[in-house]
Each structure stands twice: as structure tokens, then as C-alpha cells.
């Protein structure tokens, strides 16, 4: 194997592939990236039996072949090199990397010991890359991070007709996002529970590529329990999470008794300032009334903070408290300048959505946040 490649193209390919590699692999070869050259194309592949990543890069090849080297080390080396063409050649049990006057020699691992990457499941449809990436970012923030509750660490995808719905919850908040997609079958009715971290990393990488992202999903038989995404020259697959996702839609109230419209940027700044005196578990209190909104927080040693701001509010005066970080997460996920907060009562979940062009709460994105009990 011997080829020349542009530094930036190789750096992007190796960094993306190496990002999903395990830091403590069960067997050494799983820490490697597989470099395979054929027909002036380099395939950079990574696989840990859960997630696979593969990207194709155009190269000038003098000899085809394959080599398996440490993924993270290769990524760090290529990242550090100057923006010059890179020459890579397999020599015996090593790979030589040359860029300008810099030269590295890396040991290789047995290619024959590396597992075969899984095939892509059957294509289910396509979705616009930018919209897909934005939707994943909005929803993944609500996914759990407790590995003892694996079902809650995933994002549920529901593919029904021409609507793709994403849901995630960590029991304290819930995010739901609907977006349009293009199914291969008009009567599609599929569902999958995808690890949130994998979905987030995939969308973050594929979104900027533009165009369409192909969604592939196994439907029983060989490869059951697998989802795949592809865009441009990149493709990734992931095993799905087992278990039944909670019936979270029952938490969404049918009606509301009060509603507030608040500028997103202004509320974000106020909450950040007031929360400076709040300890990690200390909530911020939002008091709504005819005069607007007052945000308050109290910390240790009698530290207190409050700030008033304008807002449009309809309903009886209400004071409700939230975990300030969960509140900030929800505000950051809104794709509009105005947040609409809908309430039933202080002890029940509130719904946050971006305001549509008509000023009403958009139904395409909903962020449900559980209130924190306060005294008095």
C-alpha cells in the first residue's frame, strides 16, 4: 500500500472515524482504523462491534493494499502536520508517514484480525441534512446519561408516513421534534431507539455536508436491531438499544391555564445571572404576573438574586421553579427568538416551544420540563 493524499482530507476522515473508537477496547485491533486503498480511493474504517464508521477519500495511489494502525494516534499525527500533501506507505510491519520534512513510523496490527464492517440495512428514506442535524441537537439534550438506565440514553425515532419524530427523556425533561422526511414507502411505520451520543455525533458530522442524509433501518432477519446513516462519502451504522421506551406522550397536557411569551436571549441572560448564586441543585423561581416576570434564586449563606423583565403573560399569577441548567438547555434548543411557555399549574410540567409566525406555540418542537418543589 502506497499513496499520496491531501492533509485536510485525511485529517477530517481519520478524526471522524477515530472519534467513535473505544478508549479501552476489549481487543487491541478495535482501537485501530483500517486504511484500504483501491482504484485511487482510500477507505478509512472503524468498528467496535456497536458503531461502525467509514469514509472514502480520493488519493493518488502507487500501490493498493490495506493496513491497520492506531486510530487515535494517527488522528493526532495527521492533525499536527502542516498543510502539505502526505505520503503514506506500508513497509513490512510498519506504516511510514511523510509530510514535508516530518516523518513518522507506526506499527501495524494484523488486518486479518479486524472484524468485517456490517452492511448497511435496507434504506428507509432520506431527510435534509441540515434539518436532520438541527433536530437531533434539539432533542439529544434531553436524553439521559445514566448507563444503568440504558433505554433513557437513547433517542426514539418514529418514521410514520412523511413525518420523522424524535423523542428523548431523562425523566426530568422531555424533548419532541417533528420534521418532514422522504420515505421510500409512503405507508412507512417504523420505530428505532438509537444511542443519543452516536446519533448526535453522526448528525453533527453529516449535517454540514448538505444535501440529503439516507436513513437505513433493519426490519427483521439478518442485521435486526441496526440503523445506518449515509451522506456524501460517509456512512455509519449503529446497533439499536433494547427495551421499551417510556410512553412519554401521556405527559403532554391537552390544555393550559396560563401562557407566557418571553424573548429567548433576554431570559437566557437573566437566568444565567441569577443562577450565579444558585448551587447545582438549587432551582430558579419564575414569578409571572401582570407586571411581567421576576426570576429569583437563593444559594448558600443567604446569597440571593432576583431580576425583573418584560414578558407577555396571560392567566392567573403563578410562581414555578425549575432546575436552572435544564431551563437553559431548553432555551438554547429553541429555533426562534421568542419562547412560549405553557402552564397548567406550578406542580405540573411546563411546555416550552418556539413562537411561530402567528405568535402561537409551534407544534414542531416541544420541550417539557418538570418543576421543582418549592416551599410556601
Protein backbone atom coordinates (compact mmCIF):
# COMPACT_ATOMS: atom_id res chain seq x y z
CA UNK A 1 0.00 0.00 0.00
CA UNK A 2 1.38 3.38 -1.04
CA UNK A 3 -0.47 6.60 -1.73
CA UNK A 4 -0.45 10.40 -1.52
CA UNK A 5 -3.35 12.35 -0.04
CA UNK A 6 -4.20 15.94 0.86
CA UNK A 7 -3.61 16.63 4.53
CA UNK A 8 -7.02 18.25 5.29
CA UNK A 9 -9.00 15.47 3.61
CA UNK A 10 -7.12 12.77 5.54
CA UNK A 11 -7.33 14.69 8.82
CA UNK A 12 -11.13 15.02 8.54
CA UNK A 13 -11.57 11.36 7.59
CA UNK A 14 -9.35 9.94 10.34
CA UNK A 15 -10.67 12.29 13.04
CA UNK A 16 -14.28 11.36 12.27
CA UNK A 17 -13.56 7.63 12.23
CA UNK A 18 -11.33 7.64 15.31
CA UNK A 19 -13.88 9.61 17.36
CA UNK A 20 -16.13 6.57 17.72
CA UNK A 21 -13.33 4.16 18.68
CA UNK A 22 -13.35 2.78 22.24
CA UNK A 23 -10.79 4.21 24.65
CA UNK A 24 -10.46 0.81 26.34
CA UNK A 25 -11.10 -1.79 23.63
CA UNK A 26 -11.80 -5.41 24.53
CA UNK A 27 -9.21 -6.46 21.94
CA UNK A 28 -6.34 -4.26 20.65
CA UNK A 29 -7.41 -4.27 17.00
CA UNK A 30 -10.63 -2.41 17.86
CA UNK A 31 -8.51 0.67 18.68
CA UNK A 32 -7.33 0.75 15.09
CA UNK A 33 -8.53 2.36 11.90
CA UNK A 34 -8.36 0.30 8.74
CA UNK A 35 -6.78 2.03 5.75
CA UNK A 36 -7.65 0.29 2.48
CA UNK A 37 -6.59 1.64 -0.94
CA UNK A 38 -8.06 0.54 -4.27
CA UNK A 39 -8.74 2.34 -7.56
CA UNK A 40 -7.22 5.62 -6.27
CA UNK A 41 -9.63 5.69 -3.35
CA UNK A 42 -8.83 5.35 0.32
CA UNK A 43 -11.40 3.86 2.68
CA UNK A 44 -10.90 4.77 6.33
CA UNK A 45 -12.93 2.43 8.56
CA UNK A 46 -13.55 1.96 12.27
CA UNK A 47 -15.70 -0.58 14.13
CA UNK A 48 -16.16 -1.60 17.77
CA UNK A 49 -18.99 -4.13 17.27
CA UNK A 50 -21.53 -1.43 18.22
CA UNK A 51 -20.82 1.51 15.90
CA UNK A 52 -19.11 1.43 12.51
CA UNK A 53 -17.80 4.42 10.56
CA UNK A 54 -16.45 4.56 7.04
CA UNK A 55 -15.39 7.41 4.77
CA UNK A 56 -13.89 7.43 1.28
CA UNK A 57 -11.17 9.87 0.21
CA UNK A 58 -9.68 10.44 -3.25
CA UNK A 59 -5.91 9.69 -3.32
CA UNK A 60 -3.05 9.21 -5.76
CA UNK A 61 -2.21 5.54 -5.31
CA UNK A 62 1.01 3.87 -6.39
CA UNK A 63 0.08 0.52 -4.84
CA UNK A 64 -3.20 -0.88 -3.50
CA UNK A 65 -3.40 -2.63 -0.16
CA UNK A 66 -4.54 -2.31 3.45
CA UNK A 67 -3.06 -1.50 6.85
CA UNK A 68 -4.42 -1.31 10.40
CA UNK A 69 -2.94 1.33 12.71
CA UNK A 70 -3.87 3.04 15.98
CA UNK A 71 -6.76 5.37 15.18
CA UNK A 72 -6.27 7.99 17.87
CA UNK A 73 -2.51 8.18 17.32
CA UNK A 74 -2.94 8.55 13.57
CA UNK A 75 -5.55 11.27 14.09
CA UNK A 76 -3.22 13.24 16.39
CA UNK A 77 -0.29 12.89 13.99
CA UNK A 78 -2.19 13.98 10.88
CA UNK A 79 -3.79 16.86 12.77
CA UNK A 80 -0.33 18.15 13.77
CA UNK A 81 1.13 18.07 10.26
CA UNK A 82 1.49 21.12 8.04
CA UNK A 83 -0.96 21.69 5.19
CA UNK A 84 1.09 19.75 2.65
CA UNK A 85 0.45 16.51 0.75
CA UNK A 86 1.01 13.41 2.87
CA UNK A 87 2.71 10.25 1.60
CA UNK A 88 1.78 7.00 3.34
CA UNK A 89 3.36 3.63 2.60
CA UNK A 90 3.18 0.20 4.21
CA UNK A 91 6.67 -1.18 4.74
CA UNK A 92 6.77 -4.60 6.35
CA UNK A 93 5.08 -4.43 9.75
CA UNK A 94 5.04 -0.62 9.81
CA UNK A 95 3.42 2.33 8.08
CA UNK A 96 5.57 5.29 7.14
CA UNK A 97 4.00 8.76 7.07
CA UNK A 98 5.87 11.59 5.37
CA UNK A 99 4.79 15.23 5.13
CA UNK A 100 7.40 17.76 4.12
CA UNK A 101 10.40 17.10 6.35
CA UNK A 102 8.30 15.35 9.02
CA UNK A 103 8.40 11.57 9.10
CA UNK A 104 6.60 9.09 11.36
CA UNK A 105 6.73 5.31 11.56
CA UNK A 106 3.78 3.49 13.12
CA UNK A 107 3.48 -0.23 13.91
CA UNK A 108 0.62 -2.04 12.23
CA UNK A 109 -1.79 -4.62 13.59
CA UNK A 110 -2.92 -7.77 11.74
CA UNK A 111 -5.54 -6.79 9.15
CA UNK A 112 -6.91 -10.33 9.16
CA UNK A 113 -7.85 -9.97 12.84
CA UNK A 114 -10.01 -6.92 12.19
CA UNK A 115 -13.78 -7.61 12.13
CA UNK A 116 -15.74 -7.05 8.94
CA UNK A 117 -17.90 -3.95 8.99
CA UNK A 118 -21.66 -4.62 8.91
CA UNK A 119 -23.58 -3.96 5.71
CA UNK A 120 -25.99 -1.05 5.62
CA UNK A 121 -29.56 -2.10 6.44
CA UNK A 122 -32.38 -1.55 3.95
CA UNK A 123 -32.92 2.10 3.02
CA UNK A 124 -35.99 3.62 4.68
CA UNK A 125 -35.85 7.14 3.22
CA UNK A 126 -33.99 10.44 3.17
CA UNK A 127 -34.05 13.67 5.16
CA UNK A 128 -32.48 17.07 4.51
CA UNK A 129 -29.07 17.08 6.20
CA UNK A 130 -29.26 20.48 7.87
CA UNK A 131 -32.75 19.94 9.24
CA UNK A 132 -31.75 16.50 10.50
CA UNK A 133 -28.70 17.85 12.34
CA UNK A 134 -30.68 20.70 13.91
CA UNK A 135 -33.45 18.35 15.05
CA UNK A 136 -31.03 15.90 16.65
CA UNK A 137 -29.32 18.72 18.54
CA UNK A 138 -32.68 19.94 19.86
CA UNK A 139 -33.71 16.51 21.12
CA UNK A 140 -30.46 14.87 22.28
CA UNK A 141 -30.02 17.39 25.12
CA UNK A 142 -32.91 15.72 26.96
CA UNK A 143 -31.51 12.17 26.73
CA UNK A 144 -30.29 10.53 29.92
CA UNK A 145 -26.64 9.92 30.73
CA UNK A 146 -27.12 7.21 33.34
CA UNK A 147 -25.88 3.94 31.83
CA UNK A 148 -27.80 1.97 34.46
CA UNK A 149 -30.95 3.11 32.60
CA UNK A 150 -29.85 2.40 29.01
CA UNK A 151 -33.29 2.94 27.46
CA UNK A 152 -33.23 6.58 28.58
CA UNK A 153 -29.81 7.17 26.98
CA UNK A 154 -31.38 6.82 23.54
CA UNK A 155 -33.39 8.92 21.12
CA UNK A 156 -36.52 7.26 19.79
CA UNK A 157 -37.09 7.74 16.08
CA UNK A 158 -40.63 7.26 14.79
CA UNK A 159 -40.92 7.13 11.00
CA UNK A 160 -44.59 7.48 10.10
CA UNK A 161 -45.62 8.49 6.60
CA UNK A 162 -43.68 11.64 5.65
CA UNK A 163 -43.05 12.65 9.30
CA UNK A 164 -39.94 11.77 11.28
CA UNK A 165 -40.41 12.27 15.02
CA UNK A 166 -37.60 12.26 17.58
CA UNK A 167 -38.17 11.84 21.33
CA UNK A 168 -35.78 11.81 24.29
CA UNK A 169 -36.18 11.99 28.06
CA UNK A 170 -34.12 11.63 31.23
CA UNK A 171 -37.27 11.58 33.47
CA UNK A 172 -36.89 15.27 34.37
CA UNK A 173 -37.47 16.69 30.90
CA UNK A 174 -38.71 15.57 27.52
CA UNK A 175 -37.92 16.84 24.03
CA UNK A 176 -40.03 16.08 20.96
CA UNK A 177 -39.24 17.21 17.42
CA UNK A 178 -41.21 16.59 14.24
CA UNK A 179 -39.72 17.15 10.80
CA UNK A 180 -40.53 16.26 7.23
CA UNK A 181 -38.67 13.47 5.51
CA UNK A 182 -39.00 11.44 2.31
CA UNK A 183 -39.78 7.76 2.94
CA UNK A 184 -39.14 5.09 0.34
CA UNK A 185 -42.61 3.75 1.12
CA UNK A 186 -45.48 6.20 1.64
CA UNK A 187 -47.11 3.98 4.29
CA UNK A 188 -43.90 3.60 6.32
CA UNK A 189 -44.45 2.98 10.02
CA UNK A 190 -41.12 2.23 11.71
CA UNK A 191 -39.50 2.96 15.06
CA UNK A 192 -35.97 2.68 16.46
CA UNK A 193 -34.18 3.56 19.70
CA UNK A 194 -30.75 4.97 18.80
CA UNK A 195 -27.97 5.75 21.32
CA UNK A 196 -28.16 9.53 21.75
CA UNK A 197 -24.41 10.09 21.72
CA UNK A 198 -23.97 8.15 18.47
CA UNK A 199 -26.89 9.95 16.83
CA UNK A 200 -25.60 13.35 17.95
CA UNK A 201 -22.06 12.72 16.68
CA UNK A 202 -23.39 11.38 13.38
CA UNK A 203 -25.75 14.30 12.78
CA UNK A 204 -23.08 16.83 13.74
CA UNK A 205 -20.78 15.37 11.08
CA UNK A 206 -23.28 14.74 8.30
CA UNK A 207 -25.29 17.95 8.70
CA UNK A 208 -22.66 20.36 7.32
CA UNK A 209 -22.22 18.19 4.22
CA UNK A 210 -25.56 19.45 2.91
CA UNK A 211 -27.80 17.52 0.56
CA UNK A 212 -29.71 14.56 1.94
CA UNK A 213 -28.99 12.01 4.64
CA UNK A 214 -30.06 8.46 3.85
CA UNK A 215 -31.64 6.62 6.76
CA UNK A 216 -31.41 2.83 6.67
CA UNK A 217 -33.17 0.60 9.18
CA UNK A 218 -33.28 -3.16 9.65
CA UNK A 219 -36.74 -4.69 9.61
CA UNK A 220 -36.16 -8.17 10.96
CA UNK A 221 -33.99 -11.09 9.99
CA UNK A 222 -30.26 -10.67 9.40
CA UNK A 223 -29.00 -7.39 10.79
CA UNK A 224 -32.01 -6.93 13.07
CA UNK A 225 -31.54 -4.12 15.53
CA UNK A 226 -29.37 -1.86 13.38
CA UNK A 227 -29.67 1.62 11.89
CA UNK A 228 -27.48 3.30 9.30
CA UNK A 229 -26.91 6.85 8.04
CA UNK A 230 -25.09 7.91 4.88
CA UNK A 231 -24.28 11.24 3.23
CA UNK A 232 -21.65 12.11 0.67
CA UNK A 233 -18.74 9.69 1.06
CA UNK A 234 -19.51 8.91 4.72
CA UNK A 235 -21.59 6.13 6.22
CA UNK A 236 -22.12 4.91 9.75
CA UNK A 237 -24.11 2.13 11.38
CA UNK A 238 -25.12 1.57 14.97
CA UNK A 239 -26.80 -1.17 16.93
CA UNK A 240 -30.11 -0.14 18.41
CA UNK A 241 -30.88 -0.11 22.12
CA UNK A 242 -33.06 -2.87 23.51
CA UNK A 243 -36.03 -2.20 25.73
CA UNK A 244 -39.30 -0.30 25.57
CA UNK A 245 -39.18 3.48 25.53
CA UNK A 246 -41.49 5.09 28.13
CA UNK A 247 -44.93 6.23 26.97
CA UNK A 248 -43.92 9.85 27.32
CA UNK A 249 -46.67 11.36 25.19
CA UNK A 250 -49.05 10.89 28.13
CA UNK A 251 -47.08 13.62 29.95
CA UNK A 252 -48.06 16.27 27.41
CA UNK A 253 -51.04 18.27 28.72
CA UNK A 254 -54.00 18.73 26.39
CA UNK A 255 -54.72 22.27 27.60
CA UNK A 256 -53.02 25.06 29.51
CA UNK A 257 -54.26 27.56 32.10
CA UNK A 258 -51.55 30.18 31.62
CA UNK A 259 -49.07 31.13 28.93
CA UNK A 260 -46.05 33.43 28.68
CA UNK A 261 -44.13 34.80 25.70
CA UNK A 262 -40.56 35.76 26.54
CA UNK A 263 -37.57 36.79 24.37
CA UNK A 264 -35.19 33.80 24.35
CA UNK A 265 -31.96 35.78 24.54
CA UNK A 266 -33.19 38.06 27.34
CA UNK A 267 -34.48 35.21 29.50
CA UNK A 268 -31.27 33.24 28.93
CA UNK A 269 -29.14 36.16 30.12
CA UNK A 270 -31.33 36.77 33.19
CA UNK A 271 -31.34 33.11 34.23
CA UNK A 272 -27.55 32.90 33.85
CA UNK A 273 -27.04 35.99 36.01
CA UNK A 274 -29.47 35.00 38.73
CA UNK A 275 -28.17 31.40 38.82
CA UNK A 276 -24.71 32.66 39.82
CA UNK A 277 -25.82 32.46 43.47
CA UNK A 278 -27.52 29.10 42.99
CA UNK A 279 -25.83 25.87 43.91
CA UNK A 280 -26.02 22.99 41.48
CA UNK A 281 -29.28 21.58 42.84
CA UNK A 282 -30.82 24.96 43.70
CA UNK A 283 -33.70 25.88 41.38
CA UNK A 284 -34.55 29.27 39.95
CA UNK A 285 -38.04 30.61 40.61
CA UNK A 286 -40.07 32.29 37.88
CA UNK A 287 -42.92 34.50 39.08
CA UNK A 288 -45.35 35.54 36.35
CA UNK A 289 -47.94 38.26 36.76
CA UNK A 290 -49.49 41.37 35.26
CA UNK A 291 -46.23 43.29 35.73
CA UNK A 292 -44.15 40.74 33.82
CA UNK A 293 -41.65 38.17 35.05
CA UNK A 294 -39.34 38.08 38.08
CA UNK A 295 -36.56 35.48 38.15
CA UNK A 296 -35.14 34.63 41.59
CA UNK A 297 -32.61 32.24 43.12
CA UNK A 298 -31.16 31.68 46.56
CA UNK A 299 -27.89 29.96 47.38
CA UNK A 300 -25.89 29.14 50.48
CA UNK A 301 -25.05 31.65 53.23
CA UNK A 302 -28.09 33.77 52.39
CA UNK A 303 -26.89 34.65 48.89
CA UNK A 304 -29.86 35.86 46.89
CA UNK A 305 -30.51 37.23 43.42
CA UNK A 306 -33.54 38.49 41.54
CA UNK A 307 -34.19 40.32 38.30
CA UNK A 308 -37.35 41.54 36.64
CA UNK A 309 -38.00 41.52 32.91
CA UNK A 310 -40.81 42.17 30.46
CA UNK A 311 -42.95 39.37 29.12
CA UNK A 312 -46.42 38.83 27.73
CA UNK A 313 -48.42 36.75 30.20
CA UNK A 314 -52.00 35.55 30.24
CA UNK A 315 -53.51 33.73 33.21
CA UNK A 316 -53.58 33.93 37.00
CA UNK A 317 -50.31 34.97 38.71
CA UNK A 318 -48.04 31.95 39.11
CA UNK A 319 -44.68 31.07 40.65
CA UNK A 320 -42.92 27.96 39.34
CA UNK A 321 -39.36 26.68 39.88
CA UNK A 322 -37.03 24.77 37.54
CA UNK A 323 -33.57 23.30 37.55
CA UNK A 324 -31.73 26.25 36.01
CA UNK A 325 -29.49 24.14 33.74
CA UNK A 326 -32.47 22.23 32.33
CA UNK A 327 -34.19 25.56 31.69
CA UNK A 328 -31.14 26.94 29.91
CA UNK A 329 -30.81 23.77 27.84
CA UNK A 330 -34.38 24.16 26.65
CA UNK A 331 -33.91 27.82 25.76
CA UNK A 332 -30.75 27.03 23.79
CA UNK A 333 -32.61 24.42 21.76
CA UNK A 334 -35.34 26.76 20.54
CA UNK A 335 -35.01 27.80 16.90
CA UNK A 336 -36.73 31.13 17.26
CA UNK A 337 -36.34 34.49 19.04
CA UNK A 338 -39.41 34.11 21.26
CA UNK A 339 -40.17 31.29 23.70
CA UNK A 340 -43.75 30.32 24.51
CA UNK A 341 -44.13 28.72 27.96
CA UNK A 342 -47.43 26.99 28.64
CA UNK A 343 -48.52 26.02 32.18
CA UNK A 344 -51.34 24.12 33.83
CA UNK A 345 -50.27 24.59 37.48
CA UNK A 346 -46.98 25.07 39.41
CA UNK A 347 -46.67 21.39 40.33
CA UNK A 348 -47.18 20.03 36.82
CA UNK A 349 -44.84 20.01 33.80
CA UNK A 350 -44.48 23.12 31.67
CA UNK A 351 -44.10 23.10 27.90
CA UNK A 352 -41.60 25.33 26.11
CA UNK A 353 -41.83 25.89 22.35
CA UNK A 354 -40.64 28.49 19.85
CA UNK A 355 -43.24 31.03 18.77
CA UNK A 356 -44.41 30.65 15.19
CA UNK A 357 -45.01 33.47 12.73
CA UNK A 358 -48.51 33.89 14.19
CA UNK A 359 -47.09 34.23 17.71
CA UNK A 360 -48.55 30.89 18.79
CA UNK A 361 -46.52 27.99 20.15
CA UNK A 362 -45.04 25.86 17.37
CA UNK A 363 -46.02 22.21 17.49
CA UNK A 364 -42.89 21.04 15.64
CA UNK A 365 -40.70 21.27 18.77
CA UNK A 366 -41.79 20.83 22.38
CA UNK A 367 -39.57 20.80 25.43
CA UNK A 368 -41.33 19.58 28.56
CA UNK A 369 -39.64 20.40 31.85
CA UNK A 370 -40.62 19.10 35.27
CA UNK A 371 -40.97 21.74 38.01
CA UNK A 372 -39.01 21.62 41.27
CA UNK A 373 -40.97 21.67 44.52
CA UNK A 374 -40.57 24.93 46.44
CA UNK A 375 -41.69 25.84 49.94
CA UNK A 376 -44.53 28.18 50.84
